[in-house]
Amino acid sequence: MKESCWPKGVQVIQFPQHVDERGVLTFGEGGIHVPFDVRRIFWITDVPAGQVRGGHAHRTCHEVVCAVGGSFEIEVSDGRVSRVFRLSDASEGLLIPAGVWCELRHFSPGTVCLVAASQAYDAGGYIHDHAIWLEEQRRRNEQ
């Protein structure tokens, strides 16, 4: 798939797996498979039908988003290019760099969404207003 099809910096990450008669072990290491040192992890569960998660961008934090169980769609945008990707394979994650807007939706029942973040939680680092985010992206692109 062409790099230009994706918002700037967004990429699919393949995590290694070890498979044997006991099952599948999938893993990722910060700075190796995850392209940053992981400072925080969190997971999202029990999302009611029709609900949307995300709906924001981070000013400086990078994230890798994974469906470790179940599936969901994630829409990512850099203000120029938007893309919807379905996460349903525990060996895949999506790198969401700082500045990229994302929304998660269409969660299947029982989904577990795991997120690895490059920074500790900082409420001030989020952009929740889409119009403000678009303006910040426009200024970034002019630089």
N, C-alpha and C. Protein backbone atom coordinates (compact mmCIF):
# COMPACT_ATOMS: atom_id res chain seq x y z
N MET A 1 0.84 -1.18 0.00
CA MET A 1 0.00 0.00 0.00
C MET A 1 0.88 1.24 0.00
N LYS A 2 0.51 2.21 -0.80
CA LYS A 2 1.31 3.43 -0.92
C LYS A 2 1.28 4.23 0.38
N GLU A 3 2.42 4.78 0.76
CA GLU A 3 2.54 5.62 1.95
C GLU A 3 1.62 6.83 1.87
N SER A 4 1.40 7.39 0.66
CA SER A 4 0.59 8.58 0.50
C SER A 4 -0.89 8.33 0.81
N CYS A 5 -1.30 7.07 0.90
CA CYS A 5 -2.68 6.72 1.22
C CYS A 5 -2.98 6.92 2.70
N TRP A 6 -1.98 7.12 3.50
CA TRP A 6 -2.13 7.22 4.94
C TRP A 6 -1.90 8.66 5.40
N PRO A 7 -2.58 9.07 6.46
CA PRO A 7 -2.22 10.36 7.06
C PRO A 7 -0.75 10.33 7.50
N LYS A 8 -0.13 11.49 7.52
CA LYS A 8 1.31 11.61 7.79
C LYS A 8 1.69 10.93 9.11
N GLY A 9 2.61 9.97 9.00
CA GLY A 9 3.16 9.29 10.17
C GLY A 9 2.38 8.08 10.65
N VAL A 10 1.15 7.90 10.19
CA VAL A 10 0.34 6.75 10.61
C VAL A 10 0.86 5.51 9.88
N GLN A 11 1.01 4.42 10.62
CA GLN A 11 1.46 3.19 9.99
C GLN A 11 1.00 1.97 10.77
N VAL A 12 0.85 0.87 10.05
CA VAL A 12 0.50 -0.40 10.67
C VAL A 12 1.78 -1.00 11.25
N ILE A 13 1.66 -1.51 12.45
CA ILE A 13 2.78 -2.18 13.12
C ILE A 13 2.43 -3.65 13.26
N GLN A 14 3.34 -4.52 12.86
CA GLN A 14 3.17 -5.96 13.02
C GLN A 14 3.94 -6.40 14.25
N PHE A 15 3.24 -7.04 15.18
CA PHE A 15 3.88 -7.55 16.39
C PHE A 15 4.25 -9.01 16.20
N PRO A 16 5.41 -9.41 16.74
CA PRO A 16 5.82 -10.81 16.64
C PRO A 16 4.88 -11.71 17.45
N GLN A 17 4.77 -12.95 17.00
CA GLN A 17 3.96 -13.93 17.70
C GLN A 17 4.76 -15.22 17.87
N HIS A 18 4.52 -15.88 18.99
CA HIS A 18 5.06 -17.22 19.22
C HIS A 18 3.85 -18.14 19.37
N VAL A 19 3.76 -19.13 18.47
CA VAL A 19 2.63 -20.03 18.43
C VAL A 19 3.10 -21.44 18.75
N ASP A 20 2.43 -22.09 19.68
CA ASP A 20 2.67 -23.50 19.94
C ASP A 20 1.37 -24.14 20.42
N GLU A 21 1.44 -25.37 20.88
CA GLU A 21 0.23 -26.10 21.26
C GLU A 21 -0.51 -25.45 22.43
N ARG A 22 0.14 -24.54 23.13
CA ARG A 22 -0.50 -23.87 24.28
C ARG A 22 -1.24 -22.60 23.88
N GLY A 23 -1.05 -22.16 22.65
CA GLY A 23 -1.74 -20.96 22.19
C GLY A 23 -0.78 -19.98 21.52
N VAL A 24 -1.18 -18.72 21.50
CA VAL A 24 -0.42 -17.67 20.81
C VAL A 24 0.00 -16.61 21.81
N LEU A 25 1.27 -16.29 21.81
CA LEU A 25 1.80 -15.20 22.62
C LEU A 25 2.24 -14.11 21.65
N THR A 26 1.63 -12.95 21.77
CA THR A 26 1.97 -11.79 20.94
C THR A 26 2.65 -10.78 21.83
N PHE A 27 3.70 -10.13 21.34
CA PHE A 27 4.43 -9.20 22.19
C PHE A 27 4.95 -8.01 21.40
N GLY A 28 5.28 -6.97 22.12
CA GLY A 28 5.92 -5.80 21.54
C GLY A 28 6.80 -5.15 22.58
N GLU A 29 7.91 -4.62 22.16
CA GLU A 29 8.85 -3.96 23.06
C GLU A 29 8.99 -2.50 22.67
N GLY A 30 8.93 -1.63 23.70
CA GLY A 30 9.11 -0.20 23.48
C GLY A 30 10.47 0.10 22.88
N GLY A 31 10.51 0.95 21.87
CA GLY A 31 11.76 1.30 21.20
C GLY A 31 12.16 0.30 20.14
N ILE A 32 11.47 -0.85 20.07
CA ILE A 32 11.77 -1.86 19.05
C ILE A 32 10.55 -2.04 18.15
N HIS A 33 9.51 -2.68 18.66
CA HIS A 33 8.28 -2.87 17.88
C HIS A 33 7.39 -1.65 17.98
N VAL A 34 7.34 -1.06 19.15
CA VAL A 34 6.65 0.21 19.36
C VAL A 34 7.73 1.28 19.23
N PRO A 35 7.58 2.23 18.30
CA PRO A 35 8.70 3.13 17.98
C PRO A 35 8.93 4.27 18.98
N PHE A 36 8.63 4.02 20.24
CA PHE A 36 8.91 4.99 21.30
C PHE A 36 8.97 4.24 22.62
N ASP A 37 9.51 4.88 23.65
CA ASP A 37 9.47 4.31 24.98
C ASP A 37 8.07 4.47 25.53
N VAL A 38 7.48 3.37 25.98
CA VAL A 38 6.11 3.38 26.48
C VAL A 38 6.10 3.95 27.90
N ARG A 39 5.31 5.02 28.09
CA ARG A 39 5.18 5.66 29.40
C ARG A 39 3.84 5.37 30.07
N ARG A 40 2.86 4.91 29.26
CA ARG A 40 1.54 4.64 29.81
C ARG A 40 0.85 3.62 28.93
N ILE A 41 0.08 2.73 29.56
CA ILE A 41 -0.80 1.85 28.82
C ILE A 41 -2.20 1.96 29.41
N PHE A 42 -3.18 1.82 28.56
CA PHE A 42 -4.55 1.75 29.04
C PHE A 42 -5.35 0.89 28.09
N TRP A 43 -6.49 0.42 28.53
CA TRP A 43 -7.34 -0.40 27.69
C TRP A 43 -8.77 0.03 27.83
N ILE A 44 -9.52 -0.17 26.75
CA ILE A 44 -10.92 0.23 26.66
C ILE A 44 -11.73 -1.05 26.48
N THR A 45 -12.76 -1.23 27.30
CA THR A 45 -13.62 -2.40 27.24
C THR A 45 -15.08 -1.98 27.37
N ASP A 46 -15.97 -2.90 27.08
CA ASP A 46 -17.41 -2.73 27.32
C ASP A 46 -17.98 -1.47 26.66
N VAL A 47 -17.57 -1.19 25.44
CA VAL A 47 -18.09 -0.03 24.72
C VAL A 47 -19.49 -0.38 24.22
N PRO A 48 -20.51 0.38 24.63
CA PRO A 48 -21.87 0.09 24.17
C PRO A 48 -22.01 0.29 22.66
N ALA A 49 -22.92 -0.47 22.06
CA ALA A 49 -23.16 -0.37 20.62
C ALA A 49 -23.45 1.08 20.24
N GLY A 50 -22.83 1.52 19.15
CA GLY A 50 -23.06 2.86 18.63
C GLY A 50 -22.21 3.95 19.25
N GLN A 51 -21.47 3.65 20.30
CA GLN A 51 -20.64 4.67 20.95
C GLN A 51 -19.31 4.85 20.21
N VAL A 52 -18.78 6.08 20.29
CA VAL A 52 -17.51 6.44 19.64
C VAL A 52 -16.53 6.82 20.74
N ARG A 53 -15.30 6.34 20.61
CA ARG A 53 -14.22 6.70 21.53
C ARG A 53 -13.23 7.58 20.75
N GLY A 54 -12.32 8.19 21.46
CA GLY A 54 -11.36 9.08 20.81
C GLY A 54 -12.02 10.41 20.55
N GLY A 55 -12.03 10.81 19.29
CA GLY A 55 -12.59 12.11 18.95
C GLY A 55 -11.68 13.23 19.42
N HIS A 56 -10.37 13.00 19.25
CA HIS A 56 -9.39 13.99 19.67
C HIS A 56 -8.05 13.72 18.97
N ALA A 57 -7.14 14.64 19.19
CA ALA A 57 -5.75 14.48 18.77
C ALA A 57 -4.89 14.86 19.97
N HIS A 58 -3.65 14.42 19.96
CA HIS A 58 -2.69 14.79 21.00
C HIS A 58 -1.70 15.78 20.41
N ARG A 59 -1.32 16.74 21.20
CA ARG A 59 -0.33 17.73 20.72
C ARG A 59 1.08 17.13 20.65
N THR A 60 1.46 16.30 21.62
CA THR A 60 2.83 15.79 21.65
C THR A 60 2.94 14.29 21.89
N CYS A 61 1.87 13.64 22.26
CA CYS A 61 1.90 12.21 22.61
C CYS A 61 1.66 11.34 21.38
N HIS A 62 2.42 10.28 21.26
CA HIS A 62 2.24 9.27 20.21
C HIS A 62 1.57 8.05 20.86
N GLU A 63 0.78 7.33 20.08
CA GLU A 63 0.12 6.13 20.60
C GLU A 63 0.18 5.01 19.57
N VAL A 64 0.16 3.78 20.08
CA VAL A 64 -0.08 2.60 19.27
C VAL A 64 -1.36 1.98 19.80
N VAL A 65 -2.33 1.79 18.90
CA VAL A 65 -3.65 1.29 19.26
C VAL A 65 -3.80 -0.12 18.70
N CYS A 66 -4.29 -1.04 19.54
CA CYS A 66 -4.42 -2.45 19.15
C CYS A 66 -5.77 -3.00 19.58
N ALA A 67 -6.30 -3.93 18.81
CA ALA A 67 -7.46 -4.72 19.22
C ALA A 67 -6.91 -6.06 19.69
N VAL A 68 -6.75 -6.23 20.99
CA VAL A 68 -6.22 -7.50 21.50
C VAL A 68 -7.31 -8.55 21.63
N GLY A 69 -8.55 -8.12 21.49
CA GLY A 69 -9.71 -9.01 21.43
C GLY A 69 -10.83 -8.28 20.72
N GLY A 70 -11.57 -8.97 19.87
CA GLY A 70 -12.65 -8.32 19.15
C GLY A 70 -12.13 -7.45 18.03
N SER A 71 -12.94 -6.43 17.67
CA SER A 71 -12.54 -5.57 16.55
C SER A 71 -13.24 -4.22 16.65
N PHE A 72 -12.69 -3.26 15.94
CA PHE A 72 -13.28 -1.93 15.83
C PHE A 72 -12.65 -1.22 14.65
N GLU A 73 -13.30 -0.14 14.23
CA GLU A 73 -12.73 0.72 13.19
C GLU A 73 -12.09 1.92 13.84
N ILE A 74 -11.01 2.39 13.22
CA ILE A 74 -10.36 3.61 13.67
C ILE A 74 -10.17 4.51 12.45
N GLU A 75 -10.69 5.73 12.56
CA GLU A 75 -10.49 6.71 11.50
C GLU A 75 -9.41 7.66 11.94
N VAL A 76 -8.43 7.86 11.08
CA VAL A 76 -7.31 8.75 11.36
C VAL A 76 -7.22 9.82 10.27
N SER A 77 -6.83 11.03 10.68
CA SER A 77 -6.72 12.13 9.72
C SER A 77 -5.60 13.07 10.15
N ASP A 78 -4.86 13.57 9.16
CA ASP A 78 -3.85 14.59 9.43
C ASP A 78 -4.31 15.96 8.93
N GLY A 79 -5.58 16.06 8.56
CA GLY A 79 -6.12 17.31 8.04
C GLY A 79 -6.12 17.38 6.53
N ARG A 80 -5.35 16.52 5.90
CA ARG A 80 -5.29 16.44 4.44
C ARG A 80 -5.79 15.08 3.95
N VAL A 81 -5.31 14.02 4.62
CA VAL A 81 -5.66 12.65 4.24
C VAL A 81 -6.35 12.00 5.43
N SER A 82 -7.48 11.33 5.16
CA SER A 82 -8.19 10.55 6.17
C SER A 82 -8.25 9.11 5.72
N ARG A 83 -8.26 8.21 6.70
CA ARG A 83 -8.28 6.78 6.38
C ARG A 83 -9.00 6.05 7.49
N VAL A 84 -9.82 5.07 7.13
CA VAL A 84 -10.48 4.19 8.10
C VAL A 84 -9.79 2.84 8.01
N PHE A 85 -9.43 2.30 9.17
CA PHE A 85 -8.75 1.02 9.24
C PHE A 85 -9.48 0.15 10.25
N ARG A 86 -9.67 -1.10 9.95
CA ARG A 86 -10.32 -2.03 10.88
C ARG A 86 -9.24 -2.81 11.60
N LEU A 87 -9.23 -2.71 12.91
CA LEU A 87 -8.31 -3.50 13.74
C LEU A 87 -9.06 -4.71 14.25
N SER A 88 -8.55 -5.90 13.94
CA SER A 88 -9.20 -7.14 14.36
C SER A 88 -8.21 -8.27 14.60
N ASP A 89 -6.95 -7.99 14.44
CA ASP A 89 -5.89 -8.99 14.56
C ASP A 89 -4.97 -8.55 15.70
N ALA A 90 -4.83 -9.38 16.71
CA ALA A 90 -4.03 -9.01 17.89
C ALA A 90 -2.55 -8.81 17.55
N SER A 91 -2.12 -9.24 16.36
CA SER A 91 -0.71 -9.05 16.01
C SER A 91 -0.48 -7.74 15.26
N GLU A 92 -1.53 -6.91 15.12
CA GLU A 92 -1.40 -5.62 14.44
C GLU A 92 -1.75 -4.48 15.37
N GLY A 93 -1.04 -3.39 15.18
CA GLY A 93 -1.38 -2.15 15.87
C GLY A 93 -1.28 -1.02 14.88
N LEU A 94 -1.85 0.12 15.26
CA LEU A 94 -1.78 1.29 14.40
C LEU A 94 -1.07 2.39 15.15
N LEU A 95 0.04 2.88 14.58
CA LEU A 95 0.79 3.99 15.15
C LEU A 95 0.06 5.28 14.82
N ILE A 96 -0.30 6.03 15.88
CA ILE A 96 -0.98 7.31 15.73
C ILE A 96 -0.02 8.38 16.26
N PRO A 97 0.67 9.11 15.39
CA PRO A 97 1.60 10.13 15.88
C PRO A 97 0.86 11.35 16.42
N ALA A 98 1.58 12.14 17.18
CA ALA A 98 1.03 13.39 17.69
C ALA A 98 0.50 14.22 16.53
N GLY A 99 -0.62 14.89 16.76
CA GLY A 99 -1.20 15.76 15.76
C GLY A 99 -2.25 15.09 14.88
N VAL A 100 -2.36 13.76 14.94
CA VAL A 100 -3.33 13.05 14.11
C VAL A 100 -4.64 12.90 14.88
N TRP A 101 -5.73 13.28 14.23
CA TRP A 101 -7.07 13.13 14.81
C TRP A 101 -7.51 11.68 14.66
N CYS A 102 -8.13 11.12 15.69
CA CYS A 102 -8.62 9.75 15.56
C CYS A 102 -9.96 9.56 16.28
N GLU A 103 -10.75 8.68 15.69
CA GLU A 103 -12.03 8.26 16.27
C GLU A 103 -12.12 6.75 16.14
N LEU A 104 -12.54 6.10 17.22
CA LEU A 104 -12.73 4.65 17.25
C LEU A 104 -14.22 4.38 17.31
N ARG A 105 -14.70 3.45 16.48
CA ARG A 105 -16.14 3.16 16.45
C ARG A 105 -16.39 1.74 15.93
N HIS A 106 -17.65 1.36 15.95
CA HIS A 106 -18.10 0.04 15.49
C HIS A 106 -17.37 -1.09 16.23
N PHE A 107 -17.41 -1.00 17.55
CA PHE A 107 -16.79 -2.02 18.40
C PHE A 107 -17.65 -3.29 18.38
N SER A 108 -17.02 -4.43 18.15
CA SER A 108 -17.75 -5.69 18.27
C SER A 108 -17.90 -6.01 19.76
N PRO A 109 -18.92 -6.81 20.13
CA PRO A 109 -19.10 -7.16 21.54
C PRO A 109 -17.85 -7.84 22.10
N GLY A 110 -17.47 -7.49 23.31
CA GLY A 110 -16.33 -8.10 23.97
C GLY A 110 -14.97 -7.57 23.55
N THR A 111 -14.94 -6.50 22.77
CA THR A 111 -13.67 -5.95 22.29
C THR A 111 -12.82 -5.43 23.44
N VAL A 112 -11.52 -5.67 23.34
CA VAL A 112 -10.54 -5.07 24.24
C VAL A 112 -9.57 -4.29 23.36
N CYS A 113 -9.55 -2.97 23.53
CA CYS A 113 -8.65 -2.07 22.81
C CYS A 113 -7.53 -1.69 23.76
N LEU A 114 -6.31 -2.01 23.40
CA LEU A 114 -5.14 -1.69 24.21
C LEU A 114 -4.37 -0.56 23.54
N VAL A 115 -3.96 0.44 24.33
CA VAL A 115 -3.23 1.59 23.81
C VAL A 115 -1.93 1.75 24.59
N ALA A 116 -0.82 1.88 23.88
CA ALA A 116 0.48 2.20 24.46
C ALA A 116 0.79 3.64 24.08
N ALA A 117 1.12 4.47 25.08
CA ALA A 117 1.34 5.90 24.84
C ALA A 117 2.76 6.30 25.20
N SER A 118 3.26 7.32 24.51
CA SER A 118 4.62 7.79 24.72
C SER A 118 4.75 8.71 25.93
N GLN A 119 3.62 9.15 26.48
CA GLN A 119 3.65 10.08 27.61
C GLN A 119 2.63 9.69 28.66
N ALA A 120 2.86 10.14 29.88
CA ALA A 120 1.87 9.99 30.94
C ALA A 120 0.67 10.85 30.60
N TYR A 121 -0.46 10.58 31.23
CA TYR A 121 -1.68 11.33 30.96
C TYR A 121 -1.48 12.81 31.28
N ASP A 122 -1.93 13.66 30.35
CA ASP A 122 -1.89 15.11 30.52
C ASP A 122 -3.12 15.67 29.82
N ALA A 123 -4.12 16.07 30.61
CA ALA A 123 -5.38 16.58 30.03
C ALA A 123 -5.13 17.75 29.09
N GLY A 124 -4.13 18.58 29.36
CA GLY A 124 -3.83 19.73 28.53
C GLY A 124 -3.22 19.38 27.18
N GLY A 125 -2.79 18.15 27.01
CA GLY A 125 -2.17 17.73 25.76
C GLY A 125 -3.16 17.27 24.70
N TYR A 126 -4.45 17.26 25.04
CA TYR A 126 -5.48 16.81 24.11
C TYR A 126 -6.09 18.00 23.38
N ILE A 127 -6.49 17.77 22.13
CA ILE A 127 -7.28 18.73 21.36
C ILE A 127 -8.62 18.02 21.10
N HIS A 128 -9.68 18.48 21.76
CA HIS A 128 -10.99 17.85 21.63
C HIS A 128 -11.89 18.55 20.61
N ASP A 129 -11.56 19.77 20.27
CA ASP A 129 -12.38 20.56 19.35
C ASP A 129 -11.82 20.41 17.94
N HIS A 130 -12.62 19.83 17.05
CA HIS A 130 -12.15 19.54 15.69
C HIS A 130 -11.73 20.80 14.95
N ALA A 131 -12.47 21.90 15.13
CA ALA A 131 -12.15 23.17 14.44
C ALA A 131 -10.80 23.72 14.92
N ILE A 132 -10.54 23.64 16.22
CA ILE A 132 -9.24 24.09 16.75
C ILE A 132 -8.13 23.21 16.20
N TRP A 133 -8.36 21.91 16.16
CA TRP A 133 -7.36 21.00 15.62
C TRP A 133 -7.06 21.32 14.15
N LEU A 134 -8.11 21.56 13.35
CA LEU A 134 -7.89 21.90 11.95
C LEU A 134 -7.05 23.17 11.81
N GLU A 135 -7.31 24.16 12.64
CA GLU A 135 -6.53 25.40 12.60
C GLU A 135 -5.07 25.13 12.97
N GLU A 136 -4.84 24.32 13.99
CA GLU A 136 -3.46 23.97 14.38
C GLU A 136 -2.76 23.21 13.26
N GLN A 137 -3.48 22.32 12.58
CA GLN A 137 -2.89 21.58 11.46
C GLN A 137 -2.55 22.52 10.32
N ARG A 138 -3.42 23.47 10.03
CA ARG A 138 -3.15 24.44 8.97
C ARG A 138 -1.88 25.22 9.26
N ARG A 139 -1.73 25.67 10.52
CA ARG A 139 -0.51 26.42 10.90
C ARG A 139 0.72 25.53 10.82
N ARG A 140 0.62 24.28 11.25
CA ARG A 140 1.75 23.34 11.17
C ARG A 140 2.19 23.15 9.73
N ASN A 141 1.21 22.98 8.84
CA ASN A 141 1.52 22.73 7.43
C ASN A 141 2.13 23.94 6.73
N GLU A 142 1.91 25.14 7.26
CA GLU A 142 2.50 26.35 6.68
C GLU A 142 3.96 26.52 7.08
N GLN A 143 4.38 25.85 8.12
CA GLN A 143 5.76 26.01 8.61
C GLN A 143 6.76 25.30 7.75
